Amino acid sequence: MVLLALTGSVGTLCRAATIDLDIFVLNSILDNLGVPLADGSIVEIIGSGDIDTGDGAGNLFATYGGTNLIPETTLGDDVILGTVEIDSVNTGSNGTFFTTVQFDSTSINYAYIRFYNASNPLTGMIYWGTSDVFALTQVIFGVVTIQADPGGSLQTTNYNNFVIIPEPSTVNLFLVMAGMMFAMRVSMRRKINRGKSNE
């Protein structure tokens, strides 16, 4: 009985693995005018624990001010697994890509791509789109292969304003350091003034 319990536990532990995800598009990803995305356009590969993208209510990005989207963010259990740029020189075709990213099979069960008609930095009014969500179940020798456009060309159909918010920790760290330096200077002056008054 103990042997069975140990075997069951070991079997559960052994199923968790880092898996390679080969993901690509065969057809050009198109911009809002039907033209293939230019070289340098950004594509994000996003993994998810469930089939719902983002927070499950249709929201895929963190927002600022209610309507401004913050690039390179996700909601819910979604995680950006990798980012790639459209590169027609390496793929031999405009608006296409191929890349390999890794994911943890214990937390990621689905994947999709998010693509932009823009290169970095992703700021201002930008057309963007997403693919369908694909189950990562067909693992063969530690690799899952996904064609993100099985129904034909994907297109940037959403249009939103993207803003980059500086990390608050940077500003806070600067203020803390400035405050500490000011406090040290005041403390040193008090000690010098006490020393002079004692003479």
Protein backbone atom coordinates (compact mmCIF):
# COMPACT_ATOMS: atom_id res chain seq x y z
CA MET A 1 0.00 0.00 0.00
CA VAL A 2 2.83 2.42 0.82
CA LEU A 3 4.53 1.46 -2.43
CA LEU A 4 1.38 2.37 -4.36
CA ALA A 5 1.14 5.76 -2.65
CA LEU A 6 4.78 6.55 -3.44
CA THR A 7 4.40 5.43 -7.03
CA GLY A 8 1.34 7.67 -7.45
CA SER A 9 3.19 10.68 -6.01
CA VAL A 10 6.24 10.13 -8.18
CA GLY A 11 4.05 9.74 -11.25
CA THR A 12 2.36 13.07 -10.51
CA LEU A 13 5.70 14.80 -10.06
CA CYS A 14 7.12 13.36 -13.26
CA ARG A 15 4.29 14.75 -15.39
CA ALA A 16 5.38 18.33 -14.75
CA ALA A 17 7.85 19.34 -17.41
CA THR A 18 9.18 22.24 -19.38
CA ILE A 19 7.83 21.86 -22.90
CA ASP A 20 8.98 23.55 -26.12
CA LEU A 21 6.26 25.31 -28.09
CA ASP A 22 7.01 25.73 -31.80
CA ILE A 23 4.54 28.36 -33.00
CA PHE A 24 4.22 29.93 -36.44
CA VAL A 25 1.92 31.40 -39.07
CA LEU A 26 1.87 30.16 -42.66
CA ASN A 27 -0.12 33.09 -44.02
CA SER A 28 0.87 36.74 -43.71
CA ILE A 29 -0.54 38.55 -40.68
CA LEU A 30 -2.34 41.54 -42.20
CA ASP A 31 -2.75 45.10 -41.01
CA ASN A 32 -6.10 46.91 -41.00
CA LEU A 33 -5.75 47.64 -44.74
CA GLY A 34 -5.02 44.03 -45.69
CA VAL A 35 -1.29 44.58 -46.20
CA PRO A 36 1.21 42.13 -44.59
CA LEU A 37 2.72 43.45 -41.34
CA ALA A 38 6.06 45.15 -41.88
CA ASP A 39 9.34 43.70 -40.65
CA GLY A 40 9.87 44.64 -37.00
CA SER A 41 6.18 44.37 -36.07
CA ILE A 42 5.74 42.75 -32.66
CA VAL A 43 4.12 39.36 -31.98
CA GLU A 44 3.62 38.11 -28.41
CA ILE A 45 3.15 34.43 -27.61
CA ILE A 46 0.85 34.14 -24.60
CA GLY A 47 0.17 31.10 -22.46
CA SER A 48 -2.86 30.54 -20.25
CA GLY A 49 -3.99 28.01 -17.69
CA ASP A 50 -7.57 28.10 -18.97
CA ILE A 51 -9.26 28.69 -22.29
CA ASP A 52 -10.42 32.19 -21.29
CA THR A 53 -8.07 34.92 -22.48
CA GLY A 54 -7.21 37.79 -20.16
CA ASP A 55 -9.55 38.20 -17.23
CA GLY A 56 -12.30 36.15 -18.88
CA ALA A 57 -14.39 39.26 -19.53
CA GLY A 58 -12.68 40.26 -22.76
CA ASN A 59 -9.98 42.43 -21.18
CA LEU A 60 -6.49 41.39 -22.34
CA PHE A 61 -4.32 44.26 -21.05
CA ALA A 62 -3.82 46.21 -17.87
CA THR A 63 -5.21 49.72 -18.39
CA TYR A 64 -4.30 53.24 -17.36
CA GLY A 65 -6.97 55.88 -17.05
CA GLY A 66 -9.68 53.41 -18.00
CA THR A 67 -9.16 53.33 -21.77
CA ASN A 68 -5.39 53.41 -22.36
CA LEU A 69 -3.81 49.97 -22.70
CA ILE A 70 -0.44 49.17 -21.18
CA PRO A 71 1.65 47.10 -23.62
CA GLU A 72 3.39 43.88 -22.61
CA THR A 73 0.84 43.20 -19.85
CA THR A 74 -1.66 40.40 -19.35
CA LEU A 75 -4.60 39.75 -17.03
CA GLY A 76 -5.91 36.69 -15.26
CA ASP A 77 -3.62 33.68 -15.47
CA ASP A 78 -2.21 34.69 -18.88
CA VAL A 79 1.58 34.94 -19.19
CA ILE A 80 3.72 36.28 -22.02
CA LEU A 81 5.90 33.31 -22.97
CA GLY A 82 7.92 35.19 -25.56
CA THR A 83 8.06 38.05 -28.04
CA VAL A 84 9.18 37.88 -31.66
CA GLU A 85 9.43 40.39 -34.49
CA ILE A 86 8.11 39.83 -38.00
CA ASP A 87 11.18 39.14 -40.15
CA SER A 88 10.64 38.38 -43.84
CA VAL A 89 14.37 37.83 -44.39
CA ASN A 90 14.50 34.78 -42.08
CA THR A 91 11.06 33.37 -42.94
CA GLY A 92 11.13 34.15 -46.65
CA SER A 93 7.61 35.59 -46.56
CA ASN A 94 6.20 39.01 -45.57
CA GLY A 95 4.17 39.17 -42.36
CA THR A 96 5.10 35.71 -41.06
CA PHE A 97 7.11 34.30 -38.17
CA PHE A 98 8.33 31.07 -36.59
CA THR A 99 9.64 30.84 -33.05
CA THR A 100 10.16 28.42 -30.18
CA VAL A 101 9.31 29.31 -26.58
CA GLN A 102 9.17 27.17 -23.45
CA PHE A 103 6.36 26.75 -20.95
CA ASP A 104 5.65 24.88 -17.73
CA SER A 105 3.08 22.17 -18.41
CA THR A 106 1.71 22.37 -14.85
CA SER A 107 0.43 25.95 -15.27
CA ILE A 108 0.07 26.53 -19.04
CA ASN A 109 -2.53 24.52 -20.99
CA TYR A 110 -3.43 26.93 -23.81
CA ALA A 111 -1.67 29.45 -26.02
CA TYR A 112 -2.51 32.26 -28.42
CA ILE A 113 -0.70 35.12 -30.12
CA ARG A 114 -1.21 38.87 -29.86
CA PHE A 115 0.22 40.95 -32.71
CA TYR A 116 0.66 44.65 -33.42
CA ASN A 117 0.99 46.81 -36.52
CA ALA A 118 3.92 48.53 -34.79
CA SER A 119 7.42 47.95 -33.54
CA ASN A 120 8.85 48.79 -30.11
CA PRO A 121 8.11 50.89 -28.21
CA LEU A 122 4.40 50.17 -28.38
CA THR A 123 2.99 53.66 -27.72
CA GLY A 124 0.24 55.76 -29.30
CA MET A 125 -2.72 54.65 -31.38
CA ILE A 126 -1.97 51.13 -32.67
CA TYR A 127 -3.90 48.48 -34.60
CA TRP A 128 -3.57 45.04 -33.02
CA GLY A 129 -5.20 41.60 -33.00
CA THR A 130 -5.20 38.13 -31.51
CA SER A 131 -5.43 34.58 -32.76
CA ASP A 132 -7.76 31.86 -31.56
CA VAL A 133 -6.79 29.98 -28.39
CA PHE A 134 -5.10 26.60 -28.93
CA ALA A 135 -4.89 23.67 -26.50
CA LEU A 136 -1.33 22.50 -25.83
CA THR A 137 -2.18 18.80 -25.64
CA GLN A 138 -0.31 17.19 -28.53
CA VAL A 139 3.12 16.87 -26.88
CA ILE A 140 5.49 14.76 -28.99
CA PHE A 141 8.99 14.21 -27.58
CA GLY A 142 8.64 17.31 -25.38
CA VAL A 143 7.48 19.60 -28.20
CA VAL A 144 4.06 21.07 -29.09
CA THR A 145 3.67 22.56 -32.58
CA ILE A 146 0.95 25.14 -33.24
CA GLN A 147 -0.01 26.87 -36.46
CA ALA A 148 -1.63 30.07 -35.18
CA ASP A 149 -3.53 30.78 -38.40
CA PRO A 150 -5.20 27.51 -39.53
CA GLY A 151 -8.15 29.43 -41.00
CA GLY A 152 -6.08 31.81 -43.12
CA SER A 153 -4.53 35.22 -42.54
CA LEU A 154 -4.97 36.94 -39.19
CA GLN A 155 -5.63 40.69 -39.18
CA THR A 156 -5.17 43.67 -36.86
CA THR A 157 -8.78 44.66 -36.23
CA ASN A 158 -8.56 46.41 -32.84
CA TYR A 159 -7.46 50.05 -32.52
CA ASN A 160 -6.43 51.43 -29.13
CA ASN A 161 -4.12 53.91 -27.46
CA PHE A 162 -1.10 52.33 -25.77
CA VAL A 163 0.83 54.08 -23.01
CA ILE A 164 3.98 53.13 -21.13
CA ILE A 165 3.79 53.79 -17.40
CA PRO A 166 7.14 54.20 -15.61
CA GLU A 167 7.64 51.82 -12.73
CA PRO A 168 6.61 53.55 -9.50
CA SER A 169 9.41 51.79 -7.67
CA THR A 170 12.00 53.85 -9.58
CA VAL A 171 10.48 57.16 -8.49
CA ASN A 172 9.92 55.89 -4.95
CA LEU A 173 13.51 54.69 -4.71
CA PHE A 174 14.79 58.08 -5.86
CA LEU A 175 12.64 59.89 -3.27
CA VAL A 176 13.76 57.55 -0.50
CA MET A 177 17.42 58.05 -1.38
CA ALA A 178 17.01 61.85 -1.57
CA GLY A 179 15.25 61.84 1.80
CA MET A 180 17.98 59.72 3.39
CA MET A 181 20.73 61.98 2.04
CA PHE A 182 18.90 65.07 3.33
CA ALA A 183 18.41 63.46 6.78
CA MET A 184 22.10 62.46 6.95
CA ARG A 185 23.18 65.99 6.04
CA VAL A 186 20.91 67.54 8.68
CA SER A 187 22.18 65.05 11.27
CA MET A 188 25.81 65.83 10.43
CA ARG A 189 25.22 69.60 10.69
CA ARG A 190 23.58 69.16 14.11
CA LYS A 191 26.58 67.19 15.36
CA ILE A 192 28.97 69.86 14.01
CA ASN A 193 26.91 72.65 15.59
CA ARG A 194 26.81 70.79 18.95
CA GLY A 195 30.56 70.35 18.82
CA LYS A 196 31.10 74.07 18.20
CA SER A 197 28.72 75.11 21.03
CA ASN A 198 30.54 72.82 23.51
CA GLU A 199 33.86 74.59 22.85
